[in-house]
Structures are given as structure tokens and as C-alpha cells.
Amino acid sequence: MKKLLHNFLHCGILGWCMEIIFTALSSYRRRQFSLKGNTSVWMFPIYGSACLIAPLCRRLRGKPLLLRGFLYAALIFSVEFLSGKLLQKRHICPWDYSHSRWNIGKIIRLDYLPCWFLAGLLFERLLLENEPASASRRLTEEKDRDISPPF
């Protein structure tokens, strides 16, 4: 439980930082050179929930980068859609993608796929780096014995 909370906090902070940097860079494209980035408090638990993919990250260790990245992006899109719908119903959703041609339900943007691909891999790295050395060694030994089909 303590490890889960630790990962939740780290994922929440990483997500906030990524969002602030992303929105600051977006302001640069609009020629707003103050580079002000922003986020919402509501985003912390959404990004923090990335801690729940730790078992999947361990399972996917050693699998192709493209497979892992697309899987994480699909999960992020799912969480973004579900959390966005929930927040939208309460009229507190901090994002609205209605202006984008690639939006689904004003809640997700398909053109953000590369960003979510990279974000998923960053979360994976964070979560696997937080693994104790003994757990990492045990998982490597289990993987060596594993005869699962390759993906």
C-alpha cells in the first residue's frame, strides 16, 4: 500500500510537470513568449492513476517498444475519456477539445497519440525504476523461465 501511494504521488507529479511543459510549448506556437503552462488540480489523481499500470509494465518488460507505447497510449486514451466524461457531467472538466478536428466527444484528441505514446513510456520508466532491486531481479529470472508467445 505504501508503494502504491509512493507511485501515485510520483505519477501525479510527473503528469502535472508534463502538462505544464506541454501547455507552455503550445503557447509558444501561438506566439505567446511568456511560455506560461497550466494544469488543474483535477489532473493530479488522473495522472496519479498511472501507478496502476505497474503490473502491466513488469509484464511487458522486454517486449517491443512500439507494442508497449501503443498499449500505454490506448490505456491513457481510455482513462482520459472516462475521467473526462465523469468531470463533464459535473461541469468541471478542465479541458475541451471541441475545437479540434480529431476530437472524440470533445474529451480526447486522436492527434495527441504521439504525446500519450511517449507519456506512457515515461510512466513505465518511472514505475520500473521505483522497483526494488530484488523484485527486479526476481522478475528477470521469471521472465527467463517464461515461455509465453512473443508479441
Protein backbone atom coordinates (compact mmCIF):
# COMPACT_ATOMS: atom_id res chain seq x y z
CA MET A 1 0.00 0.00 0.00
CA LYS A 2 2.86 2.36 0.85
CA LYS A 3 4.50 1.60 -2.52
CA LEU A 4 1.22 2.27 -4.34
CA LEU A 5 0.87 5.67 -2.64
CA HIS A 6 4.51 6.47 -3.44
CA ASN A 7 3.96 5.62 -7.12
CA PHE A 8 0.64 7.53 -7.17
CA LEU A 9 2.38 10.68 -5.93
CA HIS A 10 5.27 10.31 -8.37
CA CYS A 11 2.97 9.68 -11.34
CA GLY A 12 0.75 12.62 -10.38
CA ILE A 13 3.73 14.97 -10.15
CA LEU A 14 5.22 13.68 -13.41
CA GLY A 15 1.88 14.14 -15.16
CA TRP A 16 1.48 17.67 -13.85
CA CYS A 17 5.01 18.57 -14.99
CA MET A 18 4.44 17.09 -18.45
CA GLU A 19 1.19 19.01 -18.83
CA ILE A 20 2.71 22.30 -17.73
CA ILE A 21 5.59 21.89 -20.18
CA PHE A 22 3.23 20.83 -22.99
CA THR A 23 0.89 23.79 -22.47
CA ALA A 24 3.86 26.17 -22.23
CA LEU A 25 5.21 24.89 -25.55
CA SER A 26 1.73 25.24 -27.06
CA SER A 27 1.71 28.89 -26.01
CA TYR A 28 4.99 29.34 -27.89
CA ARG A 29 3.28 28.12 -31.08
CA ARG A 30 0.66 30.84 -30.51
CA ARG A 31 3.49 33.39 -30.22
CA GLN A 32 2.91 33.90 -26.51
CA PHE A 33 6.53 34.01 -25.48
CA SER A 34 5.85 34.15 -21.76
CA LEU A 35 5.61 30.33 -22.06
CA LYS A 36 3.04 30.06 -19.30
CA GLY A 37 1.99 26.49 -18.74
CA ASN A 38 -1.06 25.40 -16.79
CA THR A 39 -2.85 22.42 -15.34
CA SER A 40 -5.70 21.66 -12.96
CA VAL A 41 -5.82 20.07 -9.53
CA TRP A 42 -8.27 17.57 -11.06
CA MET A 43 -5.43 16.28 -13.21
CA PHE A 44 -3.33 15.07 -10.28
CA PRO A 45 -5.44 11.99 -9.44
CA ILE A 46 -5.90 11.28 -13.15
CA TYR A 47 -2.15 11.26 -13.77
CA GLY A 48 -1.58 9.58 -10.42
CA SER A 49 -3.76 6.67 -11.52
CA ALA A 50 -0.95 5.73 -13.91
CA CYS A 51 0.54 3.94 -10.88
CA LEU A 52 -1.98 1.18 -11.55
CA ILE A 53 -0.13 0.11 -14.72
CA ALA A 54 2.94 -1.01 -12.75
CA PRO A 55 1.99 -4.73 -13.01
CA LEU A 56 1.45 -4.30 -16.76
CA CYS A 57 4.83 -2.57 -17.09
CA ARG A 58 6.51 -5.51 -15.38
CA ARG A 59 4.68 -7.95 -17.64
CA LEU A 60 5.65 -6.03 -20.78
CA ARG A 61 9.31 -5.72 -19.80
CA GLY A 62 11.44 -6.76 -22.77
CA LYS A 63 8.57 -6.53 -25.26
CA PRO A 64 8.92 -4.28 -28.34
CA LEU A 65 8.84 -0.54 -27.70
CA LEU A 66 6.06 0.06 -30.26
CA LEU A 67 3.80 -2.52 -28.63
CA ARG A 68 4.34 -1.05 -25.18
CA GLY A 69 3.92 2.55 -26.33
CA PHE A 70 0.69 1.90 -28.24
CA LEU A 71 -0.74 -0.15 -25.38
CA TYR A 72 0.00 2.61 -22.88
CA ALA A 73 -1.45 5.24 -25.25
CA ALA A 74 -4.66 3.21 -25.60
CA LEU A 75 -4.94 2.96 -21.81
CA ILE A 76 -4.31 6.68 -21.41
CA PHE A 77 -6.98 7.48 -24.02
CA SER A 78 -9.40 5.23 -22.11
CA VAL A 79 -8.69 6.87 -18.75
CA GLU A 80 -8.84 10.33 -20.32
CA PHE A 81 -12.21 9.55 -21.89
CA LEU A 82 -13.74 8.03 -18.74
CA SER A 83 -12.43 10.70 -16.39
CA GLY A 84 -13.38 13.42 -18.88
CA LYS A 85 -16.95 12.11 -19.10
CA LEU A 86 -17.20 12.00 -15.31
CA LEU A 87 -15.88 15.55 -14.94
CA GLN A 88 -18.01 16.78 -17.85
CA LYS A 89 -21.19 15.52 -16.15
CA ARG A 90 -20.30 17.66 -13.15
CA HIS A 91 -19.37 20.64 -15.39
CA ILE A 92 -15.81 20.69 -14.04
CA CYS A 93 -13.83 19.16 -16.92
CA PRO A 94 -10.69 21.30 -17.28
CA TRP A 95 -10.26 20.51 -20.98
CA ASP A 96 -12.47 20.88 -24.03
CA TYR A 97 -11.24 19.64 -27.38
CA SER A 98 -14.30 20.68 -29.39
CA HIS A 99 -12.10 22.98 -31.50
CA SER A 100 -10.01 20.05 -32.71
CA ARG A 101 -10.95 18.18 -35.85
CA TRP A 102 -9.61 14.96 -34.31
CA ASN A 103 -11.68 15.04 -31.10
CA ILE A 104 -13.94 12.29 -29.81
CA GLY A 105 -16.74 13.62 -27.64
CA LYS A 106 -14.77 16.83 -27.01
CA ILE A 107 -12.81 14.76 -24.48
CA ILE A 108 -9.93 13.09 -26.32
CA ARG A 109 -7.82 14.15 -29.27
CA LEU A 110 -6.53 11.42 -31.53
CA ASP A 111 -3.74 13.70 -32.76
CA TYR A 112 -2.29 13.52 -29.24
CA LEU A 113 -1.42 9.85 -29.79
CA PRO A 114 2.35 10.53 -30.08
CA CYS A 115 2.26 12.51 -26.83
CA TRP A 116 0.43 9.75 -24.96
CA PHE A 117 2.75 7.13 -26.51
CA LEU A 118 5.73 8.97 -25.00
CA ALA A 119 3.94 9.74 -21.73
CA GLY A 120 3.15 6.05 -21.27
CA LEU A 121 6.80 5.14 -21.76
CA LEU A 122 7.82 7.83 -19.26
CA PHE A 123 5.38 6.45 -16.69
CA GLU A 124 6.75 2.96 -17.39
CA ARG A 125 10.30 4.12 -16.78
CA LEU A 126 9.31 5.87 -13.56
CA LEU A 127 7.41 2.84 -12.26
CA LEU A 128 10.11 0.32 -13.17
CA GLU A 129 12.88 2.48 -11.72
CA ASN A 130 10.97 2.53 -8.44
CA GLU A 131 11.09 -1.28 -8.30
CA PRO A 132 13.27 -2.67 -5.53
CA ALA A 133 16.38 -4.41 -6.90
CA SER A 134 15.28 -7.79 -5.51
CA ALA A 135 11.88 -7.58 -7.24
CA SER A 136 13.55 -6.57 -10.50
CA ARG A 137 15.98 -9.49 -10.27
CA ARG A 138 13.15 -11.93 -9.44
CA LEU A 139 11.09 -10.70 -12.40
CA THR A 140 14.07 -11.11 -14.73
CA GLU A 141 14.53 -14.69 -13.53
CA GLU A 142 10.82 -15.40 -14.02
CA LYS A 143 10.97 -13.91 -17.49
CA ASP A 144 13.90 -16.17 -18.38
CA ARG A 145 11.73 -19.19 -17.46
CA ASP A 146 8.65 -17.77 -19.19
CA ILE A 147 7.71 -19.48 -22.45
CA SER A 148 4.90 -17.12 -23.39
CA PRO A 149 4.31 -16.32 -27.07
CA PRO A 150 6.24 -13.27 -28.33
CA PHE A 151 4.39 -10.03 -29.17
